[in-house]
């Protein structure tokens, strides 16, 4: 296994680069974009409210 410094040297030598990416998490789910996370969270929470109100009837 290469050290972190060796890895940097090899990355520079071969033109390899890395990019950081934001991951959105909701409960144990992971999403690449915010809108997907929001849609799932809203559906789940809105669905829970409907179930709660249905039990009041």
PDB file of N, CA and C in Angstrom:
ATOM      1  N   UNK A   1       0.856  -1.181   0.000  1.00  0.00           N
ATOM      2  CA  UNK A   1       0.000   0.000   0.000  1.00  0.00           C
ATOM      3  C   UNK A   1       0.903   1.245   0.000  1.00  0.00           C
ATOM      4  N   UNK A   2       0.465   2.273  -0.702  1.00  0.00           N
ATOM      5  CA  UNK A   2       1.273   3.493  -0.791  1.00  0.00           C
ATOM      6  C   UNK A   2       0.880   4.461   0.316  1.00  0.00           C
ATOM      7  N   UNK A   3       1.866   5.253   0.749  1.00  0.00           N
ATOM      8  CA  UNK A   3       1.578   6.280   1.755  1.00  0.00           C
ATOM      9  C   UNK A   3       0.806   7.415   1.085  1.00  0.00           C
ATOM     10  N   UNK A   4       0.253   8.279   1.899  1.00  0.00           N
ATOM     11  CA  UNK A   4      -0.516   9.404   1.366  1.00  0.00           C
ATOM     12  C   UNK A   4       0.367  10.298   0.510  1.00  0.00           C
ATOM     13  N   UNK A   5       1.599  10.514   0.936  1.00  0.00           N
ATOM     14  CA  UNK A   5       2.525  11.332   0.150  1.00  0.00           C
ATOM     15  C   UNK A   5       2.848  10.660  -1.188  1.00  0.00           C
ATOM     16  N   UNK A   6       3.110   9.338  -1.156  1.00  0.00           N
ATOM     17  CA  UNK A   6       3.365   8.600  -2.403  1.00  0.00           C
ATOM     18  C   UNK A   6       2.157   8.683  -3.330  1.00  0.00           C
ATOM     19  N   UNK A   7       0.982   8.612  -2.743  1.00  0.00           N
ATOM     20  CA  UNK A   7      -0.243   8.685  -3.537  1.00  0.00           C
ATOM     21  C   UNK A   7      -0.339  10.029  -4.240  1.00  0.00           C
ATOM     22  N   UNK A   8      -0.023  11.096  -3.529  1.00  0.00           N
ATOM     23  CA  UNK A   8      -0.055  12.436  -4.139  1.00  0.00           C
ATOM     24  C   UNK A   8       0.940  12.540  -5.297  1.00  0.00           C
ATOM     25  N   UNK A   9       2.134  11.995  -5.090  1.00  0.00           N
ATOM     26  CA  UNK A   9       3.162  12.031  -6.138  1.00  0.00           C
ATOM     27  C   UNK A   9       2.677  11.268  -7.374  1.00  0.00           C
ATOM     28  N   UNK A  10       2.123  10.081  -7.161  1.00  0.00           N
ATOM     29  CA  UNK A  10       1.625   9.283  -8.286  1.00  0.00           C
ATOM     30  C   UNK A  10       0.451   9.974  -8.975  1.00  0.00           C
ATOM     31  N   UNK A  11      -0.423  10.598  -8.203  1.00  0.00           N
ATOM     32  CA  UNK A  11      -1.547  11.320  -8.801  1.00  0.00           C
ATOM     33  C   UNK A  11      -1.047  12.435  -9.706  1.00  0.00           C
ATOM     34  N   UNK A  12      -0.046  13.176  -9.220  1.00  0.00           N
ATOM     35  CA  UNK A  12       0.509  14.260 -10.034  1.00  0.00           C
ATOM     36  C   UNK A  12       1.193  13.701 -11.280  1.00  0.00           C
ATOM     37  N   UNK A  13       1.939  12.623 -11.128  1.00  0.00           N
ATOM     38  CA  UNK A  13       2.660  12.023 -12.246  1.00  0.00           C
ATOM     39  C   UNK A  13       1.710  11.576 -13.349  1.00  0.00           C
ATOM     40  N   UNK A  14       0.585  10.962 -12.979  1.00  0.00           N
ATOM     41  CA  UNK A  14      -0.334  10.398 -13.971  1.00  0.00           C
ATOM     42  C   UNK A  14      -1.536  11.295 -14.277  1.00  0.00           C
ATOM     43  N   UNK A  15      -1.574  12.471 -13.675  1.00  0.00           N
ATOM     44  CA  UNK A  15      -2.675  13.390 -13.961  1.00  0.00           C
ATOM     45  C   UNK A  15      -4.007  12.949 -13.361  1.00  0.00           C
ATOM     46  N   UNK A  16      -3.927  12.249 -12.250  1.00  0.00           N
ATOM     47  CA  UNK A  16      -5.139  11.795 -11.556  1.00  0.00           C
ATOM     48  C   UNK A  16      -5.544  12.883 -10.562  1.00  0.00           C
ATOM     49  N   UNK A  17      -6.821  13.148 -10.494  1.00  0.00           N
ATOM     50  CA  UNK A  17      -7.296  14.135  -9.531  1.00  0.00           C
ATOM     51  C   UNK A  17      -8.552  13.613  -8.843  1.00  0.00           C
ATOM     52  N   UNK A  18      -8.914  14.259  -7.778  1.00  0.00           N
ATOM     53  CA  UNK A  18     -10.132  13.858  -7.073  1.00  0.00           C
ATOM     54  C   UNK A  18     -11.001  15.090  -6.862  1.00  0.00           C
ATOM     55  N   UNK A  19     -12.281  14.847  -6.741  1.00  0.00           N
ATOM     56  CA  UNK A  19     -13.248  15.903  -6.485  1.00  0.00           C
ATOM     57  C   UNK A  19     -14.081  15.490  -5.281  1.00  0.00           C
ATOM     58  N   UNK A  20     -14.415  16.446  -4.466  1.00  0.00           N
ATOM     59  CA  UNK A  20     -15.299  16.166  -3.348  1.00  0.00           C
ATOM     60  C   UNK A  20     -16.727  16.340  -3.820  1.00  0.00           C
ATOM     61  N   UNK A  21     -17.603  15.519  -3.275  1.00  0.00           N
ATOM     62  CA  UNK A  21     -18.990  15.527  -3.706  1.00  0.00           C
ATOM     63  C   UNK A  21     -19.877  15.578  -2.463  1.00  0.00           C
ATOM     64  N   UNK A  22     -20.905  16.378  -2.506  1.00  0.00           N
ATOM     65  CA  UNK A  22     -21.851  16.457  -1.402  1.00  0.00           C
ATOM     66  C   UNK A  22     -22.813  15.287  -1.478  1.00  0.00           C
ATOM     67  N   UNK A  23     -22.989  14.614  -0.358  1.00  0.00           N
ATOM     68  CA  UNK A  23     -23.956  13.532  -0.243  1.00  0.00           C
ATOM     69  C   UNK A  23     -25.001  13.973   0.768  1.00  0.00           C
ATOM     70  N   UNK A  24     -26.262  13.920   0.386  1.00  0.00           N
ATOM     71  CA  UNK A  24     -27.364  14.276   1.274  1.00  0.00           C
ATOM     72  C   UNK A  24     -27.892  13.014   1.931  1.00  0.00           C
ATOM     73  N   UNK A  25     -28.056  13.043   3.240  1.00  0.00           N
ATOM     74  CA  UNK A  25     -28.499  11.866   3.986  1.00  0.00           C
ATOM     75  C   UNK A  25     -29.827  12.147   4.674  1.00  0.00           C
ATOM     76  N   UNK A  26     -30.708  11.190   4.580  1.00  0.00           N
ATOM     77  CA  UNK A  26     -31.980  11.230   5.305  1.00  0.00           C
ATOM     78  C   UNK A  26     -32.165   9.853   5.902  1.00  0.00           C
ATOM     79  N   UNK A  27     -32.199   9.817   7.215  1.00  0.00           N
ATOM     80  CA  UNK A  27     -32.202   8.553   7.945  1.00  0.00           C
ATOM     81  C   UNK A  27     -30.997   7.748   7.479  1.00  0.00           C
ATOM     82  N   UNK A  28     -31.157   6.538   7.014  1.00  0.00           N
ATOM     83  CA  UNK A  28     -30.001   5.752   6.567  1.00  0.00           C
ATOM     84  C   UNK A  28     -29.853   5.766   5.049  1.00  0.00           C
ATOM     85  N   UNK A  29     -30.597   6.624   4.371  1.00  0.00           N
ATOM     86  CA  UNK A  29     -30.543   6.722   2.918  1.00  0.00           C
ATOM     87  C   UNK A  29     -29.545   7.803   2.515  1.00  0.00           C
ATOM     88  N   UNK A  30     -28.920   7.616   1.372  1.00  0.00           N
ATOM     89  CA  UNK A  30     -27.954   8.577   0.850  1.00  0.00           C
ATOM     90  C   UNK A  30     -28.360   8.979  -0.564  1.00  0.00           C
ATOM     91  N   UNK A  31     -28.258  10.276  -0.850  1.00  0.00           N
ATOM     92  CA  UNK A  31     -28.690  10.822  -2.131  1.00  0.00           C
ATOM     93  C   UNK A  31     -27.597  11.699  -2.722  1.00  0.00           C
ATOM     94  N   UNK A  32     -27.486  11.681  -4.028  1.00  0.00           N
ATOM     95  CA  UNK A  32     -26.508  12.526  -4.713  1.00  0.00           C
ATOM     96  C   UNK A  32     -27.005  13.947  -4.911  1.00  0.00           C
ATOM     97  N   UNK A  33     -28.314  14.150  -4.841  1.00  0.00           N
ATOM     98  CA  UNK A  33     -28.808  15.517  -4.991  1.00  0.00           C
ATOM     99  C   UNK A  33     -29.891  15.821  -3.956  1.00  0.00           C
ATOM    100  N   UNK A  34     -29.994  17.089  -3.631  1.00  0.00           N
ATOM    101  CA  UNK A  34     -30.888  17.552  -2.578  1.00  0.00           C
ATOM    102  C   UNK A  34     -32.349  17.261  -2.879  1.00  0.00           C
ATOM    103  N   UNK A  35     -32.765  17.469  -4.112  1.00  0.00           N
ATOM    104  CA  UNK A  35     -34.181  17.313  -4.460  1.00  0.00           C
ATOM    105  C   UNK A  35     -34.670  15.891  -4.199  1.00  0.00           C
ATOM    106  N   UNK A  36     -33.856  14.886  -4.506  1.00  0.00           N
ATOM    107  CA  UNK A  36     -34.238  13.506  -4.236  1.00  0.00           C
ATOM    108  C   UNK A  36     -34.411  13.274  -2.738  1.00  0.00           C
ATOM    109  N   UNK A  37     -33.479  13.778  -1.938  1.00  0.00           N
ATOM    110  CA  UNK A  37     -33.575  13.628  -0.481  1.00  0.00           C
ATOM    111  C   UNK A  37     -34.826  14.318   0.044  1.00  0.00           C
ATOM    112  N   UNK A  38     -35.089  15.499  -0.444  1.00  0.00           N
ATOM    113  CA  UNK A  38     -36.269  16.251  -0.012  1.00  0.00           C
ATOM    114  C   UNK A  38     -37.554  15.533  -0.392  1.00  0.00           C
ATOM    115  N   UNK A  39     -37.615  15.018  -1.607  1.00  0.00           N
ATOM    116  CA  UNK A  39     -38.820  14.307  -2.051  1.00  0.00           C
ATOM    117  C   UNK A  39     -39.114  13.098  -1.174  1.00  0.00           C
ATOM    118  N   UNK A  40     -38.094  12.301  -0.873  1.00  0.00           N
ATOM    119  CA  UNK A  40     -38.296  11.111  -0.049  1.00  0.00           C
ATOM    120  C   UNK A  40     -38.707  11.502   1.370  1.00  0.00           C
ATOM    121  N   UNK A  41     -38.034  12.477   1.948  1.00  0.00           N
ATOM    122  CA  UNK A  41     -38.359  12.917   3.309  1.00  0.00           C
ATOM    123  C   UNK A  41     -39.773  13.481   3.380  1.00  0.00           C
ATOM    124  N   UNK A  42     -40.151  14.299   2.411  1.00  0.00           N
ATOM    125  CA  UNK A  42     -41.482  14.895   2.399  1.00  0.00           C
ATOM    126  C   UNK A  42     -42.554  13.825   2.219  1.00  0.00           C
ATOM    127  N   UNK A  43     -42.330  12.891   1.307  1.00  0.00           N
ATOM    128  CA  UNK A  43     -43.299  11.819   1.106  1.00  0.00           C
ATOM    129  C   UNK A  43     -43.489  10.996   2.372  1.00  0.00           C
ATOM    130  N   UNK A  44     -42.391  10.669   3.021  1.00  0.00           N
ATOM    131  CA  UNK A  44     -42.473   9.862   4.230  1.00  0.00           C
ATOM    132  C   UNK A  44     -43.162  10.623   5.358  1.00  0.00           C
ATOM    133  N   UNK A  45     -42.792  11.867   5.549  1.00  0.00           N
ATOM    134  CA  UNK A  45     -43.369  12.636   6.649  1.00  0.00           C
ATOM    135  C   UNK A  45     -44.823  12.997   6.377  1.00  0.00           C
ATOM    136  N   UNK A  46     -45.141  13.352   5.132  1.00  0.00           N
ATOM    137  CA  UNK A  46     -46.535  13.648   4.795  1.00  0.00           C
ATOM    138  C   UNK A  46     -47.385  12.390   4.905  1.00  0.00           C
ATOM    139  N   UNK A  47     -46.841  11.257   4.527  1.00  0.00           N
ATOM    140  CA  UNK A  47     -47.549   9.993   4.635  1.00  0.00           C
ATOM    141  C   UNK A  47     -47.808   9.627   6.084  1.00  0.00           C
ATOM    142  N   UNK A  48     -46.853   9.904   6.956  1.00  0.00           N
ATOM    143  CA  UNK A  48     -47.025   9.619   8.383  1.00  0.00           C
ATOM    144  C   UNK A  48     -48.121  10.483   8.975  1.00  0.00           C
ATOM    145  N   UNK A  49     -48.204  11.739   8.557  1.00  0.00           N
ATOM    146  CA  UNK A  49     -49.244  12.642   9.059  1.00  0.00           C
ATOM    147  C   UNK A  49     -50.619  12.149   8.628  1.00  0.00           C
ATOM    148  N   UNK A  50     -50.723  11.701   7.359  1.00  0.00           N
ATOM    149  CA  UNK A  50     -52.009  11.212   6.861  1.00  0.00           C
ATOM    150  C   UNK A  50     -52.449   9.985   7.641  1.00  0.00           C
ATOM    151  N   UNK A  51     -51.530   9.069   7.927  1.00  0.00           N
ATOM    152  CA  UNK A  51     -51.876   7.877   8.699  1.00  0.00           C
ATOM    153  C   UNK A  51     -52.350   8.270  10.089  1.00  0.00           C
ATOM    154  N   UNK A  52     -51.690   9.269  10.702  1.00  0.00           N
ATOM    155  CA  UNK A  52     -52.045   9.722  12.035  1.00  0.00           C
ATOM    156  C   UNK A  52     -53.454  10.319  12.027  1.00  0.00           C
ATOM    157  N   UNK A  53     -53.765  11.147  11.040  1.00  0.00           N
ATOM    158  CA  UNK A  53     -55.072  11.783  10.952  1.00  0.00           C
ATOM    159  C   UNK A  53     -56.159  10.775  10.612  1.00  0.00           C
ATOM    160  N   UNK A  54     -55.838   9.762   9.799  1.00  0.00           N
ATOM    161  CA  UNK A  54     -56.811   8.732   9.480  1.00  0.00           C
ATOM    162  C   UNK A  54     -57.220   7.943  10.708  1.00  0.00           C
ATOM    163  N   UNK A  55     -56.326   7.776  11.664  1.00  0.00           N
ATOM    164  CA  UNK A  55     -56.656   7.025  12.872  1.00  0.00           C
ATOM    165  C   UNK A  55     -57.547   7.815  13.799  1.00  0.00           C
ATOM    166  N   UNK A  56     -57.650   9.135  13.603  1.00  0.00           N
ATOM    167  CA  UNK A  56     -58.521   9.976  14.424  1.00  0.00           C
ATOM    168  C   UNK A  56     -59.979   9.825  14.040  1.00  0.00           C
ATOM    169  N   UNK A  57     -60.259   9.313  12.830  1.00  0.00           N
ATOM    170  CA  UNK A  57     -61.630   9.242  12.327  1.00  0.00           C
ATOM    171  C   UNK A  57     -62.375   8.085  12.929  1.00  0.00           C
TER     172      UNK A  57
END
